[in-house]
C-alpha atoms as a PDB file:
ATOM      1  CA  MET A   1       0.000   0.000   0.000  1.00  0.00           C
ATOM      2  CA  LEU A   2       1.450   3.338  -1.037  1.00  0.00           C
ATOM      3  CA  THR A   3       1.458   6.115   1.521  1.00  0.00           C
ATOM      4  CA  LEU A   4       1.563   9.702   0.394  1.00  0.00           C
ATOM      5  CA  ILE A   5       2.259  12.640   2.687  1.00  0.00           C
ATOM      6  CA  PHE A   6      -0.256  15.450   2.244  1.00  0.00           C
ATOM      7  CA  ALA A   7       1.391  18.721   3.282  1.00  0.00           C
ATOM      8  CA  THR A   8      -1.446  19.903   5.525  1.00  0.00           C
ATOM      9  CA  ASN A   9      -2.782  19.509   9.046  1.00  0.00           C
ATOM     10  CA  ASN A  10      -6.339  20.348   8.006  1.00  0.00           C
ATOM     11  CA  ALA A  11      -8.243  17.147   8.861  1.00  0.00           C
ATOM     12  CA  HIS A  12     -11.193  18.198   6.625  1.00  0.00           C
ATOM     13  CA  LYS A  13      -8.890  18.424   3.601  1.00  0.00           C
ATOM     14  CA  VAL A  14      -7.246  15.070   4.353  1.00  0.00           C
ATOM     15  CA  GLN A  15     -10.705  13.488   4.655  1.00  0.00           C
ATOM     16  CA  GLU A  16     -11.904  15.021   1.365  1.00  0.00           C
ATOM     17  CA  ILE A  17      -8.790  13.975  -0.540  1.00  0.00           C
ATOM     18  CA  GLN A  18      -8.817  10.452   0.934  1.00  0.00           C
ATOM     19  CA  ALA A  19     -12.491  10.139  -0.082  1.00  0.00           C
ATOM     20  CA  ALA A  20     -11.575  11.243  -3.626  1.00  0.00           C
ATOM     21  CA  ILE A  21      -8.587   8.894  -3.858  1.00  0.00           C
ATOM     22  CA  GLY A  22     -10.375   5.880  -2.373  1.00  0.00           C
ATOM     23  CA  HIS A  23      -8.430   2.918  -0.998  1.00  0.00           C
ATOM     24  CA  LYS A  24      -5.659   2.723  -3.580  1.00  0.00           C
ATOM     25  CA  LEU A  25      -3.406   4.963  -1.516  1.00  0.00           C
ATOM     26  CA  THR A  26      -3.207   6.030   2.088  1.00  0.00           C
ATOM     27  CA  VAL A  27      -3.030   9.785   2.568  1.00  0.00           C
ATOM     28  CA  ILE A  28      -1.435  11.003   5.793  1.00  0.00           C
ATOM     29  CA  SER A  29      -1.235  14.497   7.243  1.00  0.00           C
ATOM     30  CA  LEU A  30       1.973  16.220   8.335  1.00  0.00           C
ATOM     31  CA  LYS A  31       1.116  15.414  11.950  1.00  0.00           C
ATOM     32  CA  ALA A  32       0.655  11.715  11.140  1.00  0.00           C
ATOM     33  CA  ALA A  33       4.039  11.809   9.378  1.00  0.00           C
ATOM     34  CA  GLY A  34       5.595  13.284  12.534  1.00  0.00           C
ATOM     35  CA  ILE A  35       6.234  16.699  10.979  1.00  0.00           C
ATOM     36  CA  ASP A  36       5.373  19.740  13.064  1.00  0.00           C
ATOM     37  CA  ILE A  37       5.890  22.861  10.975  1.00  0.00           C
ATOM     38  CA  ASP A  38       3.695  25.580   9.565  1.00  0.00           C
ATOM     39  CA  ILE A  39       4.770  26.228   5.983  1.00  0.00           C
ATOM     40  CA  PRO A  40       4.331  29.845   4.902  1.00  0.00           C
ATOM     41  CA  GLU A  41       2.253  30.695   1.822  1.00  0.00           C
ATOM     42  CA  PRO A  42       3.962  33.920   0.741  1.00  0.00           C
ATOM     43  CA  TYR A  43       3.148  33.891  -2.970  1.00  0.00           C
ATOM     44  CA  ASP A  44       0.344  35.523  -4.897  1.00  0.00           C
ATOM     45  CA  THR A  45      -0.627  32.441  -6.919  1.00  0.00           C
ATOM     46  CA  LEU A  46      -2.130  29.153  -5.772  1.00  0.00           C
ATOM     47  CA  GLU A  47       0.408  27.304  -7.942  1.00  0.00           C
ATOM     48  CA  ALA A  48       3.459  28.883  -6.272  1.00  0.00           C
ATOM     49  CA  ASN A  49       2.088  28.330  -2.751  1.00  0.00           C
ATOM     50  CA  ALA A  50       1.282  24.675  -3.484  1.00  0.00           C
ATOM     51  CA  THR A  51       4.781  24.162  -4.924  1.00  0.00           C
ATOM     52  CA  GLN A  52       6.392  25.803  -1.894  1.00  0.00           C
ATOM     53  CA  LYS A  53       4.591  23.402   0.466  1.00  0.00           C
ATOM     54  CA  SER A  54       5.260  20.164  -1.429  1.00  0.00           C
ATOM     55  CA  ARG A  55       8.924  21.023  -2.112  1.00  0.00           C
ATOM     56  CA  THR A  56       9.491  21.902   1.561  1.00  0.00           C
ATOM     57  CA  ILE A  57       8.117  18.554   2.762  1.00  0.00           C
ATOM     58  CA  GLN A  58       9.966  16.597   0.106  1.00  0.00           C
ATOM     59  CA  GLN A  59      13.252  18.240   1.123  1.00  0.00           C
ATOM     60  CA  LEU A  60      12.526  17.442   4.785  1.00  0.00           C
ATOM     61  CA  THR A  61      11.498  13.814   4.298  1.00  0.00           C
ATOM     62  CA  GLY A  62      12.922  12.717   0.947  1.00  0.00           C
ATOM     63  CA  LYS A  63       9.510  11.127   0.317  1.00  0.00           C
ATOM     64  CA  ASN A  64       6.901  11.584  -2.393  1.00  0.00           C
ATOM     65  CA  CYS A  65       4.300  14.075  -1.226  1.00  0.00           C
ATOM     66  CA  PHE A  66       1.699  16.526  -2.399  1.00  0.00           C
ATOM     67  CA  SER A  67       0.111  19.721  -1.232  1.00  0.00           C
ATOM     68  CA  GLU A  68      -2.727  21.873  -2.380  1.00  0.00           C
ATOM     69  CA  ASP A  69      -3.708  25.465  -2.244  1.00  0.00           C
ATOM     70  CA  THR A  70      -7.312  26.483  -2.685  1.00  0.00           C
ATOM     71  CA  GLY A  71      -8.817  29.887  -3.155  1.00  0.00           C
ATOM     72  CA  LEU A  72     -12.294  31.328  -3.469  1.00  0.00           C
ATOM     73  CA  GLU A  73     -12.351  33.826  -6.346  1.00  0.00           C
ATOM     74  CA  VAL A  74     -15.280  36.242  -6.316  1.00  0.00           C
ATOM     75  CA  ASP A  75     -15.806  38.099  -9.608  1.00  0.00           C
ATOM     76  CA  ALA A  76     -17.317  41.281  -8.109  1.00  0.00           C
ATOM     77  CA  LEU A  77     -14.271  41.571  -5.802  1.00  0.00           C
ATOM     78  CA  ASN A  78     -11.727  41.190  -8.632  1.00  0.00           C
ATOM     79  CA  GLY A  79     -10.891  37.631  -7.610  1.00  0.00           C
ATOM     80  CA  GLU A  80     -10.673  38.239  -3.857  1.00  0.00           C
ATOM     81  CA  PRO A  81     -10.078  36.557  -1.454  1.00  0.00           C
ATOM     82  CA  GLY A  82      -8.077  34.238  -3.774  1.00  0.00           C
ATOM     83  CA  VAL A  83      -4.769  33.090  -2.254  1.00  0.00           C
ATOM     84  CA  LYS A  84      -5.693  34.961   0.949  1.00  0.00           C
ATOM     85  CA  SER A  85      -8.877  32.877   1.436  1.00  0.00           C
ATOM     86  CA  ALA A  86      -7.839  31.248   4.742  1.00  0.00           C
ATOM     87  CA  ARG A  87      -6.415  34.474   6.209  1.00  0.00           C
ATOM     88  CA  TYR A  88      -8.848  36.931   4.612  1.00  0.00           C
ATOM     89  CA  ALA A  89      -9.909  38.481   7.940  1.00  0.00           C
ATOM     90  CA  GLY A  90      -6.642  37.869   9.791  1.00  0.00           C
ATOM     91  CA  GLU A  91      -3.895  35.426  10.683  1.00  0.00           C
ATOM     92  CA  ASP A  92      -6.113  33.379  13.027  1.00  0.00           C
ATOM     93  CA  LYS A  93      -7.843  31.789   9.977  1.00  0.00           C
ATOM     94  CA  ALA A  94     -11.299  32.160  11.577  1.00  0.00           C
ATOM     95  CA  PHE A  95     -13.897  30.926   9.066  1.00  0.00           C
ATOM     96  CA  ASP A  96     -16.731  33.009  10.562  1.00  0.00           C
ATOM     97  CA  LYS A  97     -14.745  36.259  10.369  1.00  0.00           C
ATOM     98  CA  ASN A  98     -13.682  35.464   6.795  1.00  0.00           C
ATOM     99  CA  ILE A  99     -17.316  34.938   5.761  1.00  0.00           C
ATOM    100  CA  GLU A 100     -18.392  38.144   7.553  1.00  0.00           C
ATOM    101  CA  LYS A 101     -15.732  40.147   5.739  1.00  0.00           C
ATOM    102  CA  LEU A 102     -16.677  38.590   2.375  1.00  0.00           C
ATOM    103  CA  LEU A 103     -20.413  39.240   2.788  1.00  0.00           C
ATOM    104  CA  GLY A 104     -19.681  42.753   4.090  1.00  0.00           C
ATOM    105  CA  LYS A 105     -17.585  43.604   1.032  1.00  0.00           C
ATOM    106  CA  LEU A 106     -20.164  42.152  -1.362  1.00  0.00           C
ATOM    107  CA  GLY A 107     -23.051  43.962   0.359  1.00  0.00           C
ATOM    108  CA  ASP A 108     -26.131  44.000  -1.867  1.00  0.00           C
ATOM    109  CA  ASN A 109     -24.135  43.585  -5.066  1.00  0.00           C
ATOM    110  CA  PRO A 110     -26.303  41.484  -7.401  1.00  0.00           C
ATOM    111  CA  GLN A 111     -23.190  40.168  -9.172  1.00  0.00           C
ATOM    112  CA  ARG A 112     -22.339  37.147  -6.958  1.00  0.00           C
ATOM    113  CA  THR A 113     -20.616  34.653  -9.262  1.00  0.00           C
ATOM    114  CA  ALA A 114     -17.555  32.988  -7.820  1.00  0.00           C
ATOM    115  CA  ARG A 115     -15.439  29.891  -8.104  1.00  0.00           C
ATOM    116  CA  PHE A 116     -13.378  27.662  -5.896  1.00  0.00           C
ATOM    117  CA  ARG A 117     -10.056  26.776  -7.486  1.00  0.00           C
ATOM    118  CA  THR A 118      -7.715  24.089  -6.175  1.00  0.00           C
ATOM    119  CA  VAL A 119      -4.190  23.485  -7.377  1.00  0.00           C
ATOM    120  CA  ILE A 120      -2.422  20.300  -6.277  1.00  0.00           C
ATOM    121  CA  SER A 121       1.366  20.074  -6.467  1.00  0.00           C
ATOM    122  CA  LEU A 122       2.706  16.528  -6.451  1.00  0.00           C
ATOM    123  CA  VAL A 123       6.421  15.926  -6.015  1.00  0.00           C
ATOM    124  CA  TRP A 124       7.112  12.417  -7.255  1.00  0.00           C
ATOM    125  CA  GLY A 125      10.758  11.435  -7.425  1.00  0.00           C
ATOM    126  CA  ASP A 126      12.459  14.635  -8.513  1.00  0.00           C
ATOM    127  CA  GLN A 127       9.588  15.816 -10.726  1.00  0.00           C
ATOM    128  CA  GLU A 128       6.736  18.156  -9.890  1.00  0.00           C
ATOM    129  CA  TYR A 129       3.267  17.772 -11.412  1.00  0.00           C
ATOM    130  CA  LEU A 130       0.379  20.257 -11.091  1.00  0.00           C
ATOM    131  CA  PHE A 131      -3.336  19.395 -11.194  1.00  0.00           C
ATOM    132  CA  GLU A 132      -6.176  21.933 -11.147  1.00  0.00           C
ATOM    133  CA  GLY A 133      -9.842  21.647 -10.198  1.00  0.00           C
ATOM    134  CA  ILE A 134     -12.471  24.402 -10.548  1.00  0.00           C
ATOM    135  CA  CYS A 135     -16.022  24.632  -9.217  1.00  0.00           C
ATOM    136  CA  GLU A 136     -18.171  27.536 -10.438  1.00  0.00           C
ATOM    137  CA  GLY A 137     -20.948  28.841  -8.231  1.00  0.00           C
ATOM    138  CA  THR A 138     -22.614  31.739  -6.435  1.00  0.00           C
ATOM    139  CA  ILE A 139     -22.198  33.484  -3.091  1.00  0.00           C
ATOM    140  CA  ILE A 140     -25.508  33.740  -1.207  1.00  0.00           C
ATOM    141  CA  HIS A 141     -26.456  36.521   1.256  1.00  0.00           C
ATOM    142  CA  ASP A 142     -26.668  34.450   4.464  1.00  0.00           C
ATOM    143  CA  LYS A 143     -24.986  31.330   5.833  1.00  0.00           C
ATOM    144  CA  ARG A 144     -26.825  28.016   5.404  1.00  0.00           C
ATOM    145  CA  GLY A 145     -25.878  24.555   6.659  1.00  0.00           C
ATOM    146  CA  ALA A 146     -23.668  23.177   9.404  1.00  0.00           C
ATOM    147  CA  GLY A 147     -21.321  20.894   7.439  1.00  0.00           C
ATOM    148  CA  GLY A 148     -18.110  21.550   5.575  1.00  0.00           C
ATOM    149  CA  PHE A 149     -15.601  24.263   6.452  1.00  0.00           C
ATOM    150  CA  GLY A 150     -14.306  27.589   5.195  1.00  0.00           C
ATOM    151  CA  TYR A 151     -16.733  29.404   2.889  1.00  0.00           C
ATOM    152  CA  ASP A 152     -18.966  26.315   2.413  1.00  0.00           C
ATOM    153  CA  PRO A 153     -22.018  27.887   4.185  1.00  0.00           C
ATOM    154  CA  VAL A 154     -22.255  30.734   1.629  1.00  0.00           C
ATOM    155  CA  PHE A 155     -21.229  28.937  -1.584  1.00  0.00           C
ATOM    156  CA  VAL A 156     -23.815  27.270  -3.835  1.00  0.00           C
ATOM    157  CA  PRO A 157     -22.178  25.291  -6.660  1.00  0.00           C
ATOM    158  CA  GLU A 158     -23.543  25.594 -10.199  1.00  0.00           C
ATOM    159  CA  GLY A 159     -26.260  22.986 -10.749  1.00  0.00           C
ATOM    160  CA  SER A 160     -27.399  22.909  -7.111  1.00  0.00           C
ATOM    161  CA  THR A 161     -29.698  24.954  -4.878  1.00  0.00           C
ATOM    162  CA  ARG A 162     -27.875  23.968  -1.691  1.00  0.00           C
ATOM    163  CA  THR A 163     -24.656  25.271  -0.179  1.00  0.00           C
ATOM    164  CA  PHE A 164     -21.638  23.012   0.281  1.00  0.00           C
ATOM    165  CA  ALA A 165     -22.357  23.175   4.032  1.00  0.00           C
ATOM    166  CA  GLU A 166     -25.785  21.603   3.449  1.00  0.00           C
ATOM    167  CA  MET A 167     -24.303  18.598   1.634  1.00  0.00           C
ATOM    168  CA  THR A 168     -22.782  15.319   2.763  1.00  0.00           C
ATOM    169  CA  LEU A 169     -19.162  14.681   1.779  1.00  0.00           C
ATOM    170  CA  GLU A 170     -20.403  12.406  -1.043  1.00  0.00           C
ATOM    171  CA  GLU A 171     -22.796  15.070  -2.374  1.00  0.00           C
ATOM    172  CA  LYS A 172     -20.120  17.748  -2.186  1.00  0.00           C
ATOM    173  CA  GLY A 173     -17.819  15.414  -4.104  1.00  0.00           C
ATOM    174  CA  GLN A 174     -20.087  15.646  -7.159  1.00  0.00           C
ATOM    175  CA  TYR A 175     -19.154  19.326  -7.526  1.00  0.00           C
ATOM    176  CA  SER A 176     -15.969  19.727  -5.515  1.00  0.00           C
ATOM    177  CA  HIS A 177     -12.987  21.603  -6.944  1.00  0.00           C
ATOM    178  CA  ARG A 178     -10.775  19.603  -4.604  1.00  0.00           C
ATOM    179  CA  LYS A 179     -12.221  16.322  -5.881  1.00  0.00           C
ATOM    180  CA  LYS A 180     -11.717  17.390  -9.513  1.00  0.00           C
ATOM    181  CA  ALA A 181      -8.061  18.138  -8.830  1.00  0.00           C
ATOM    182  CA  ALA A 182      -7.723  14.948  -6.737  1.00  0.00           C
ATOM    183  CA  ASP A 183      -9.246  12.853  -9.549  1.00  0.00           C
ATOM    184  CA  LYS A 184      -6.505  14.105 -11.899  1.00  0.00           C
ATOM    185  CA  LEU A 185      -3.907  13.317  -9.229  1.00  0.00           C
ATOM    186  CA  VAL A 186      -5.379   9.814  -8.766  1.00  0.00           C
ATOM    187  CA  SER A 187      -5.414   8.947 -12.465  1.00  0.00           C
ATOM    188  CA  PHE A 188      -1.789  10.093 -12.710  1.00  0.00           C
ATOM    189  CA  LEU A 189      -0.818   8.000  -9.660  1.00  0.00           C
ATOM    190  CA  GLN A 190      -2.647   4.965 -11.027  1.00  0.00           C
ATOM    191  CA  GLN A 191      -0.477   5.112 -14.148  1.00  0.00           C
ATOM    192  CA  VAL A 192       2.661   5.457 -12.003  1.00  0.00           C
ATOM    193  CA  VAL A 193       1.655   2.554  -9.755  1.00  0.00           C
ATOM    194  CA  GLN A 194       0.886   0.310 -12.758  1.00  0.00           C
ATOM    195  CA  GLN A 195       4.281   1.064 -14.256  1.00  0.00           C
ATOM    196  CA  ALA A 196       6.125   0.388 -10.991  1.00  0.00           C
END
């Protein structure tokens, strides 16, 4: 069984990625791998931040690993919060404050289209591979639902009337940006594993 280090300590993300990958690989968090560091995300693109995280862990462990960076891009706010999604309202990464700030900035603006974009950086051997997943949707005026994390309570994906926070993990997976990127990662890994 292959084990891949996922450069995160966000249990929700590990759970979502493991659900997308299925049982072909075991995904472990930094904590599970015995690594206790907070990797900075200093860049202004998701790609560069994802690369920074996976390269850092690979240099530390010498093992194959991957990381992801996800941003919510709201059209009326010129793509904000984007790479700053987790720290939009401050360094404490408080989801509620981030949502408050987002809804405050949007106000009554009728233009509420947005997308979640995930970029996964996989370092396999000495090569890096990037995989992207995008989910288009809309930002609603008030929070709905108790599931999920981050901006899930105010994001309704295209093709649904419910927010991500009102969905089960399986339902969210039908739309999820993270799952789309993870599916590309999985099909790549399946080829690698077959060739090994």
